Amino acid sequence: MQKIKYFLIVIVFFVLGYILINHLPKVLMLENIKSVLIAGQSIKVDLALTKETQIQGLSGRAELKENEGMLFIFDHSGIYPFWMKDMNFPIDMIWVNENMKVVYIKKNARPELFPEMYTPNENAKYVLEVVSGFSDKNNLKVGDEVELKESL
């Protein structure tokens, strides 16, 4: 009788382990993000996770392709202003909150307008920078959903 009891306990643990491993949502590791799904488009992203990479951003780059962008990921939600210091081309900036909803869009931010700052009215945890015109071309609007992906 005692052996049957231990056997059943072992079986229950194996079943629970299987369920936990295979059926619960996988935790997205921020440093593994490769793309962002937004407005029906998959954007391959470079990540700005540290203060240094966030300060650098896209500054100094010669160009950004249509299906590419930079995703700034902050430690917590807040009001994060952006500018166009040392930029060589215009971009669209998209602020996204922790619920993965677009909260603010700055279309066609142009380098020659530096030191103008672009600041959302709501807290955001992410900012996505993409080529200028992306938002209009794909009918992106405040409230649209965004998904972070570990694949392209």
C-alpha atoms as a PDB file:
ATOM      1  CA  MET A   1       0.000   0.000   0.000  1.00  0.00           C
ATOM      2  CA  GLN A   2       2.859   2.381   0.881  1.00  0.00           C
ATOM      3  CA  LYS A   3       4.547   1.715  -2.503  1.00  0.00           C
ATOM      4  CA  ILE A   4       1.347   2.570  -4.369  1.00  0.00           C
ATOM      5  CA  LYS A   5       1.083   5.854  -2.433  1.00  0.00           C
ATOM      6  CA  TYR A   6       4.678   6.868  -3.351  1.00  0.00           C
ATOM      7  CA  PHE A   7       4.135   5.786  -6.940  1.00  0.00           C
ATOM      8  CA  LEU A   8       1.027   7.992  -7.227  1.00  0.00           C
ATOM      9  CA  ILE A   9       2.882  10.969  -5.706  1.00  0.00           C
ATOM     10  CA  VAL A  10       5.701  10.559  -8.239  1.00  0.00           C
ATOM     11  CA  ILE A  11       3.185  10.354 -11.100  1.00  0.00           C
ATOM     12  CA  VAL A  12       1.425  13.545  -9.900  1.00  0.00           C
ATOM     13  CA  PHE A  13       4.765  15.432  -9.799  1.00  0.00           C
ATOM     14  CA  PHE A  14       5.645  14.270 -13.320  1.00  0.00           C
ATOM     15  CA  VAL A  15       2.254  15.340 -14.645  1.00  0.00           C
ATOM     16  CA  LEU A  16       2.504  18.749 -12.934  1.00  0.00           C
ATOM     17  CA  GLY A  17       6.037  19.211 -14.252  1.00  0.00           C
ATOM     18  CA  TYR A  18       4.907  18.372 -17.775  1.00  0.00           C
ATOM     19  CA  ILE A  19       2.041  20.861 -17.561  1.00  0.00           C
ATOM     20  CA  LEU A  20       4.289  23.620 -16.192  1.00  0.00           C
ATOM     21  CA  ILE A  21       6.941  23.103 -18.852  1.00  0.00           C
ATOM     22  CA  ASN A  22       4.701  22.679 -21.887  1.00  0.00           C
ATOM     23  CA  HIS A  23       1.465  24.529 -21.284  1.00  0.00           C
ATOM     24  CA  LEU A  24       2.204  27.724 -19.374  1.00  0.00           C
ATOM     25  CA  PRO A  25       3.158  30.774 -21.440  1.00  0.00           C
ATOM     26  CA  LYS A  26       6.859  31.060 -22.053  1.00  0.00           C
ATOM     27  CA  VAL A  27       8.540  34.026 -20.380  1.00  0.00           C
ATOM     28  CA  LEU A  28       9.904  36.445 -22.953  1.00  0.00           C
ATOM     29  CA  MET A  29      13.530  37.301 -22.254  1.00  0.00           C
ATOM     30  CA  LEU A  30      13.966  40.952 -23.208  1.00  0.00           C
ATOM     31  CA  GLU A  31      17.515  40.490 -24.488  1.00  0.00           C
ATOM     32  CA  ASN A  32      16.230  37.806 -26.905  1.00  0.00           C
ATOM     33  CA  ILE A  33      13.755  40.070 -28.697  1.00  0.00           C
ATOM     34  CA  LYS A  34      14.459  40.018 -32.435  1.00  0.00           C
ATOM     35  CA  SER A  35      11.373  41.686 -33.877  1.00  0.00           C
ATOM     36  CA  VAL A  36       8.270  43.712 -33.118  1.00  0.00           C
ATOM     37  CA  LEU A  37       4.885  42.988 -34.666  1.00  0.00           C
ATOM     38  CA  ILE A  38       3.075  46.293 -35.135  1.00  0.00           C
ATOM     39  CA  ALA A  39       0.344  47.398 -37.539  1.00  0.00           C
ATOM     40  CA  GLY A  40       0.527  43.983 -39.197  1.00  0.00           C
ATOM     41  CA  GLN A  41       4.221  44.438 -39.970  1.00  0.00           C
ATOM     42  CA  SER A  42       7.215  42.573 -38.573  1.00  0.00           C
ATOM     43  CA  ILE A  43      10.048  44.964 -37.775  1.00  0.00           C
ATOM     44  CA  LYS A  44      13.539  43.556 -37.142  1.00  0.00           C
ATOM     45  CA  VAL A  45      14.881  45.493 -34.162  1.00  0.00           C
ATOM     46  CA  ASP A  46      18.162  46.381 -32.565  1.00  0.00           C
ATOM     47  CA  LEU A  47      17.746  46.715 -28.812  1.00  0.00           C
ATOM     48  CA  ALA A  48      18.591  49.662 -26.605  1.00  0.00           C
ATOM     49  CA  LEU A  49      18.591  48.081 -23.136  1.00  0.00           C
ATOM     50  CA  THR A  50      21.330  50.010 -21.326  1.00  0.00           C
ATOM     51  CA  LYS A  51      21.738  53.728 -20.632  1.00  0.00           C
ATOM     52  CA  GLU A  52      24.667  53.795 -23.071  1.00  0.00           C
ATOM     53  CA  THR A  53      22.761  52.207 -25.962  1.00  0.00           C
ATOM     54  CA  GLN A  54      19.727  54.368 -25.192  1.00  0.00           C
ATOM     55  CA  ILE A  55      21.821  57.545 -25.332  1.00  0.00           C
ATOM     56  CA  GLN A  56      23.407  56.419 -28.623  1.00  0.00           C
ATOM     57  CA  GLY A  57      20.152  55.222 -30.211  1.00  0.00           C
ATOM     58  CA  LEU A  58      20.229  55.589 -33.986  1.00  0.00           C
ATOM     59  CA  SER A  59      22.569  58.605 -33.816  1.00  0.00           C
ATOM     60  CA  GLY A  60      25.309  58.481 -36.410  1.00  0.00           C
ATOM     61  CA  ARG A  61      23.714  55.777 -38.572  1.00  0.00           C
ATOM     62  CA  ALA A  62      23.515  56.466 -42.281  1.00  0.00           C
ATOM     63  CA  GLU A  63      20.100  54.875 -42.825  1.00  0.00           C
ATOM     64  CA  LEU A  64      17.344  52.609 -41.569  1.00  0.00           C
ATOM     65  CA  LYS A  65      15.630  50.116 -43.860  1.00  0.00           C
ATOM     66  CA  GLU A  66      11.851  49.877 -44.100  1.00  0.00           C
ATOM     67  CA  ASN A  67      11.580  46.655 -42.084  1.00  0.00           C
ATOM     68  CA  GLU A  68      14.125  47.686 -39.424  1.00  0.00           C
ATOM     69  CA  GLY A  69      13.967  49.680 -36.235  1.00  0.00           C
ATOM     70  CA  MET A  70      15.366  50.248 -32.783  1.00  0.00           C
ATOM     71  CA  LEU A  71      13.470  49.224 -29.657  1.00  0.00           C
ATOM     72  CA  PHE A  72      14.226  51.099 -26.442  1.00  0.00           C
ATOM     73  CA  ILE A  73      13.286  49.056 -23.373  1.00  0.00           C
ATOM     74  CA  PHE A  74      13.151  50.876 -20.050  1.00  0.00           C
ATOM     75  CA  ASP A  75      13.249  49.333 -16.567  1.00  0.00           C
ATOM     76  CA  HIS A  76       9.906  50.847 -15.613  1.00  0.00           C
ATOM     77  CA  SER A  77       7.081  52.845 -17.155  1.00  0.00           C
ATOM     78  CA  GLY A  78       7.548  56.583 -17.281  1.00  0.00           C
ATOM     79  CA  ILE A  79       7.562  59.697 -19.436  1.00  0.00           C
ATOM     80  CA  TYR A  80      10.557  59.371 -21.769  1.00  0.00           C
ATOM     81  CA  PRO A  81      11.318  62.358 -24.010  1.00  0.00           C
ATOM     82  CA  PHE A  82      13.322  61.803 -27.220  1.00  0.00           C
ATOM     83  CA  TRP A  83      15.241  64.092 -29.546  1.00  0.00           C
ATOM     84  CA  MET A  84      17.086  63.874 -32.865  1.00  0.00           C
ATOM     85  CA  LYS A  85      20.656  64.592 -31.757  1.00  0.00           C
ATOM     86  CA  ASP A  86      23.240  63.490 -34.366  1.00  0.00           C
ATOM     87  CA  MET A  87      20.568  61.836 -36.511  1.00  0.00           C
ATOM     88  CA  ASN A  88      21.023  61.630 -40.291  1.00  0.00           C
ATOM     89  CA  PHE A  89      17.467  60.833 -41.390  1.00  0.00           C
ATOM     90  CA  PRO A  90      13.864  61.368 -40.242  1.00  0.00           C
ATOM     91  CA  ILE A  91      12.021  58.679 -38.257  1.00  0.00           C
ATOM     92  CA  ASP A  92       8.689  57.845 -36.676  1.00  0.00           C
ATOM     93  CA  MET A  93       8.842  57.349 -32.894  1.00  0.00           C
ATOM     94  CA  ILE A  94       6.250  55.106 -31.264  1.00  0.00           C
ATOM     95  CA  TRP A  95       5.757  54.990 -27.485  1.00  0.00           C
ATOM     96  CA  VAL A  96       4.238  51.754 -26.116  1.00  0.00           C
ATOM     97  CA  ASN A  97       2.966  51.155 -22.582  1.00  0.00           C
ATOM     98  CA  GLU A  98       3.505  48.063 -20.417  1.00  0.00           C
ATOM     99  CA  ASN A  99       0.161  46.681 -21.663  1.00  0.00           C
ATOM    100  CA  MET A 100       1.668  46.660 -25.170  1.00  0.00           C
ATOM    101  CA  LYS A 101      -0.567  49.434 -26.506  1.00  0.00           C
ATOM    102  CA  VAL A 102       0.617  52.409 -28.545  1.00  0.00           C
ATOM    103  CA  VAL A 103       0.204  55.542 -26.402  1.00  0.00           C
ATOM    104  CA  TYR A 104       1.879  58.202 -28.569  1.00  0.00           C
ATOM    105  CA  ILE A 105       3.289  58.564 -32.080  1.00  0.00           C
ATOM    106  CA  LYS A 106       5.648  61.257 -33.316  1.00  0.00           C
ATOM    107  CA  LYS A 107       5.581  61.082 -37.104  1.00  0.00           C
ATOM    108  CA  ASN A 108       8.422  62.363 -39.261  1.00  0.00           C
ATOM    109  CA  ALA A 109      10.770  63.545 -36.510  1.00  0.00           C
ATOM    110  CA  ARG A 110      13.456  65.376 -38.469  1.00  0.00           C
ATOM    111  CA  PRO A 111      17.142  65.875 -37.557  1.00  0.00           C
ATOM    112  CA  GLU A 112      17.125  69.563 -38.438  1.00  0.00           C
ATOM    113  CA  LEU A 113      14.592  70.205 -35.651  1.00  0.00           C
ATOM    114  CA  PHE A 114      17.116  69.261 -32.926  1.00  0.00           C
ATOM    115  CA  PRO A 115      17.079  70.209 -30.021  1.00  0.00           C
ATOM    116  CA  GLU A 116      13.271  69.891 -30.085  1.00  0.00           C
ATOM    117  CA  MET A 117      12.069  67.211 -27.648  1.00  0.00           C
ATOM    118  CA  TYR A 118       9.202  64.807 -28.321  1.00  0.00           C
ATOM    119  CA  THR A 119       7.357  63.771 -25.178  1.00  0.00           C
ATOM    120  CA  PRO A 120       4.286  61.556 -24.772  1.00  0.00           C
ATOM    121  CA  ASN A 121       1.365  62.484 -22.513  1.00  0.00           C
ATOM    122  CA  GLU A 122       1.205  58.982 -21.024  1.00  0.00           C
ATOM    123  CA  ASN A 123       3.670  56.600 -19.421  1.00  0.00           C
ATOM    124  CA  ALA A 124       5.494  54.193 -21.691  1.00  0.00           C
ATOM    125  CA  LYS A 125       7.894  51.298 -21.144  1.00  0.00           C
ATOM    126  CA  TYR A 126       9.050  50.955 -24.765  1.00  0.00           C
ATOM    127  CA  VAL A 127       9.850  53.276 -27.636  1.00  0.00           C
ATOM    128  CA  LEU A 128      10.136  51.953 -31.179  1.00  0.00           C
ATOM    129  CA  GLU A 129      11.951  54.011 -33.809  1.00  0.00           C
ATOM    130  CA  VAL A 130      11.178  53.171 -37.439  1.00  0.00           C
ATOM    131  CA  VAL A 131      11.584  54.816 -40.835  1.00  0.00           C
ATOM    132  CA  SER A 132       9.651  58.013 -41.369  1.00  0.00           C
ATOM    133  CA  GLY A 133       6.290  57.346 -42.990  1.00  0.00           C
ATOM    134  CA  PHE A 134       5.822  53.894 -41.422  1.00  0.00           C
ATOM    135  CA  SER A 135       2.943  55.063 -39.208  1.00  0.00           C
ATOM    136  CA  ASP A 136       0.964  56.640 -42.041  1.00  0.00           C
ATOM    137  CA  LYS A 137       1.710  53.855 -44.533  1.00  0.00           C
ATOM    138  CA  ASN A 138       0.429  51.206 -42.085  1.00  0.00           C
ATOM    139  CA  ASN A 139      -2.423  53.258 -40.549  1.00  0.00           C
ATOM    140  CA  LEU A 140      -0.861  53.001 -37.082  1.00  0.00           C
ATOM    141  CA  LYS A 141      -2.831  54.759 -34.368  1.00  0.00           C
ATOM    142  CA  VAL A 142      -2.857  55.241 -30.609  1.00  0.00           C
ATOM    143  CA  GLY A 143      -4.392  52.180 -28.955  1.00  0.00           C
ATOM    144  CA  ASP A 144      -3.023  49.671 -31.482  1.00  0.00           C
ATOM    145  CA  GLU A 145      -1.476  46.512 -30.040  1.00  0.00           C
ATOM    146  CA  VAL A 146       2.204  45.651 -30.248  1.00  0.00           C
ATOM    147  CA  GLU A 147       3.850  42.257 -29.822  1.00  0.00           C
ATOM    148  CA  LEU A 148       7.489  41.530 -28.999  1.00  0.00           C
ATOM    149  CA  LYS A 149       8.889  38.415 -30.705  1.00  0.00           C
ATOM    150  CA  GLU A 150      11.983  36.265 -30.172  1.00  0.00           C
ATOM    151  CA  SER A 151      12.059  35.447 -33.881  1.00  0.00           C
ATOM    152  CA  LEU A 152      12.106  37.432 -37.097  1.00  0.00           C
END
